[in-house]
Amino acid sequence: MSASEKVKAKAEQVAGKAVRKTAHALGNRTTEAKGAALEARGKAREMKEKGKDNLKP
């Protein structure tokens, strides 16, 4: 996994979690869903990169 992709994945996860938690505290369900989607995208990116690493000889 390249370092830059790893950083992007973690950044998306952290940002998504922060948005989700803040929106939940404020009662804003739309923004909460957007934060959850951002967090999920970061997790998917991380899994993709780990899969690519596992396929390398």
N, C-alpha and C. Protein backbone atom coordinates (compact mmCIF):
# COMPACT_ATOMS: atom_id res chain seq x y z
N MET A 1 0.85 -1.17 0.00
CA MET A 1 0.00 0.00 0.00
C MET A 1 0.89 1.22 0.00
N SER A 2 0.69 2.08 -0.97
CA SER A 2 1.52 3.28 -1.01
C SER A 2 1.17 4.18 0.17
N ALA A 3 2.15 4.89 0.62
CA ALA A 3 1.97 5.74 1.80
C ALA A 3 0.92 6.82 1.56
N SER A 4 0.91 7.40 0.38
CA SER A 4 -0.05 8.47 0.12
C SER A 4 -1.49 7.93 0.11
N GLU A 5 -1.69 6.75 -0.45
CA GLU A 5 -3.03 6.16 -0.45
C GLU A 5 -3.47 5.77 0.95
N LYS A 6 -2.52 5.31 1.75
CA LYS A 6 -2.84 4.96 3.13
C LYS A 6 -3.27 6.20 3.91
N VAL A 7 -2.58 7.30 3.68
CA VAL A 7 -2.92 8.55 4.36
C VAL A 7 -4.29 9.04 3.91
N LYS A 8 -4.57 8.95 2.60
CA LYS A 8 -5.88 9.37 2.09
C LYS A 8 -7.00 8.55 2.73
N ALA A 9 -6.78 7.24 2.82
CA ALA A 9 -7.81 6.36 3.38
C ALA A 9 -8.07 6.71 4.85
N LYS A 10 -7.02 6.88 5.62
CA LYS A 10 -7.18 7.22 7.04
C LYS A 10 -7.81 8.60 7.20
N ALA A 11 -7.41 9.55 6.36
CA ALA A 11 -7.97 10.90 6.45
C ALA A 11 -9.48 10.88 6.18
N GLU A 12 -9.90 10.11 5.17
CA GLU A 12 -11.33 10.01 4.88
C GLU A 12 -12.08 9.37 6.05
N GLN A 13 -11.48 8.36 6.66
CA GLN A 13 -12.13 7.71 7.79
C GLN A 13 -12.27 8.66 8.96
N VAL A 14 -11.22 9.38 9.28
CA VAL A 14 -11.24 10.30 10.42
C VAL A 14 -12.21 11.45 10.16
N ALA A 15 -12.15 12.02 8.96
CA ALA A 15 -13.05 13.12 8.63
C ALA A 15 -14.50 12.65 8.65
N GLY A 16 -14.76 11.49 8.09
CA GLY A 16 -16.12 10.96 8.07
C GLY A 16 -16.65 10.72 9.46
N LYS A 17 -15.81 10.17 10.32
CA LYS A 17 -16.24 9.90 11.70
C LYS A 17 -16.53 11.21 12.43
N ALA A 18 -15.68 12.21 12.21
CA ALA A 18 -15.88 13.50 12.87
C ALA A 18 -17.19 14.15 12.41
N VAL A 19 -17.43 14.12 11.11
CA VAL A 19 -18.65 14.71 10.56
C VAL A 19 -19.87 13.96 11.11
N ARG A 20 -19.78 12.64 11.10
CA ARG A 20 -20.90 11.81 11.56
C ARG A 20 -21.21 12.08 13.03
N LYS A 21 -20.19 12.10 13.87
CA LYS A 21 -20.41 12.32 15.31
C LYS A 21 -20.97 13.71 15.59
N THR A 22 -20.42 14.72 14.91
CA THR A 22 -20.89 16.09 15.11
C THR A 22 -22.34 16.24 14.65
N ALA A 23 -22.65 15.69 13.48
CA ALA A 23 -24.01 15.78 12.95
C ALA A 23 -24.99 15.03 13.85
N HIS A 24 -24.56 13.91 14.39
CA HIS A 24 -25.43 13.14 15.29
C HIS A 24 -25.73 13.96 16.54
N ALA A 25 -24.71 14.62 17.07
CA ALA A 25 -24.90 15.44 18.27
C ALA A 25 -25.84 16.61 18.01
N LEU A 26 -25.80 17.12 16.78
CA LEU A 26 -26.66 18.25 16.42
C LEU A 26 -28.03 17.81 15.91
N GLY A 27 -28.19 16.51 15.67
CA GLY A 27 -29.47 16.01 15.19
C GLY A 27 -29.69 16.19 13.70
N ASN A 28 -28.62 16.36 12.94
CA ASN A 28 -28.73 16.55 11.50
C ASN A 28 -28.49 15.21 10.80
N ARG A 29 -29.57 14.54 10.45
CA ARG A 29 -29.46 13.18 9.89
C ARG A 29 -28.85 13.17 8.49
N THR A 30 -29.11 14.17 7.67
CA THR A 30 -28.56 14.19 6.32
C THR A 30 -27.04 14.28 6.36
N THR A 31 -26.52 15.18 7.14
CA THR A 31 -25.08 15.33 7.26
C THR A 31 -24.47 14.12 7.95
N GLU A 32 -25.19 13.53 8.87
CA GLU A 32 -24.72 12.32 9.54
C GLU A 32 -24.53 11.19 8.53
N ALA A 33 -25.47 11.07 7.60
CA ALA A 33 -25.37 10.04 6.55
C ALA A 33 -24.20 10.32 5.62
N LYS A 34 -23.98 11.58 5.31
CA LYS A 34 -22.84 11.94 4.46
C LYS A 34 -21.52 11.61 5.14
N GLY A 35 -21.45 11.84 6.44
CA GLY A 35 -20.25 11.50 7.20
C GLY A 35 -20.01 10.00 7.23
N ALA A 36 -21.08 9.24 7.40
CA ALA A 36 -20.96 7.79 7.39
C ALA A 36 -20.51 7.28 6.03
N ALA A 37 -21.00 7.91 4.97
CA ALA A 37 -20.59 7.52 3.61
C ALA A 37 -19.11 7.83 3.39
N LEU A 38 -18.66 8.97 3.87
CA LEU A 38 -17.25 9.33 3.73
C LEU A 38 -16.37 8.35 4.50
N GLU A 39 -16.80 7.99 5.68
CA GLU A 39 -16.05 7.02 6.48
C GLU A 39 -15.99 5.67 5.78
N ALA A 40 -17.10 5.24 5.21
CA ALA A 40 -17.15 3.96 4.51
C ALA A 40 -16.26 3.99 3.27
N ARG A 41 -16.23 5.13 2.60
CA ARG A 41 -15.36 5.25 1.42
C ARG A 41 -13.90 5.12 1.81
N GLY A 42 -13.53 5.68 2.94
CA GLY A 42 -12.16 5.55 3.42
C GLY A 42 -11.81 4.12 3.76
N LYS A 43 -12.75 3.41 4.37
CA LYS A 43 -12.52 2.00 4.70
C LYS A 43 -12.41 1.16 3.44
N ALA A 44 -13.24 1.46 2.45
CA ALA A 44 -13.18 0.72 1.18
C ALA A 44 -11.85 0.97 0.47
N ARG A 45 -11.38 2.22 0.49
CA ARG A 45 -10.10 2.55 -0.13
C ARG A 45 -8.97 1.78 0.55
N GLU A 46 -9.02 1.71 1.88
CA GLU A 46 -7.99 0.99 2.62
C GLU A 46 -8.02 -0.50 2.28
N MET A 47 -9.20 -1.09 2.19
CA MET A 47 -9.31 -2.50 1.85
C MET A 47 -8.81 -2.77 0.44
N LYS A 48 -9.10 -1.86 -0.49
CA LYS A 48 -8.65 -2.00 -1.87
C LYS A 48 -7.13 -2.02 -1.93
N GLU A 49 -6.51 -1.10 -1.23
CA GLU A 49 -5.05 -1.01 -1.24
C GLU A 49 -4.41 -2.22 -0.56
N LYS A 50 -5.02 -2.71 0.50
CA LYS A 50 -4.49 -3.91 1.16
C LYS A 50 -4.60 -5.11 0.23
N GLY A 51 -5.69 -5.20 -0.51
CA GLY A 51 -5.87 -6.28 -1.48
C GLY A 51 -4.82 -6.22 -2.57
N LYS A 52 -4.53 -5.02 -3.05
CA LYS A 52 -3.49 -4.86 -4.07
C LYS A 52 -2.13 -5.30 -3.53
N ASP A 53 -1.86 -4.98 -2.27
CA ASP A 53 -0.59 -5.39 -1.66
C ASP A 53 -0.49 -6.90 -1.53
N ASN A 54 -1.60 -7.55 -1.23
CA ASN A 54 -1.59 -9.00 -1.07
C ASN A 54 -1.36 -9.72 -2.40
N LEU A 55 -1.71 -9.09 -3.51
CA LEU A 55 -1.53 -9.71 -4.82
C LEU A 55 -0.13 -9.52 -5.39
N LYS A 56 0.63 -8.62 -4.82
CA LYS A 56 1.99 -8.40 -5.31
C LYS A 56 2.88 -9.57 -4.88
N PRO A 57 3.77 -9.99 -5.78
CA PRO A 57 4.67 -11.10 -5.43
C PRO A 57 5.70 -10.74 -4.40
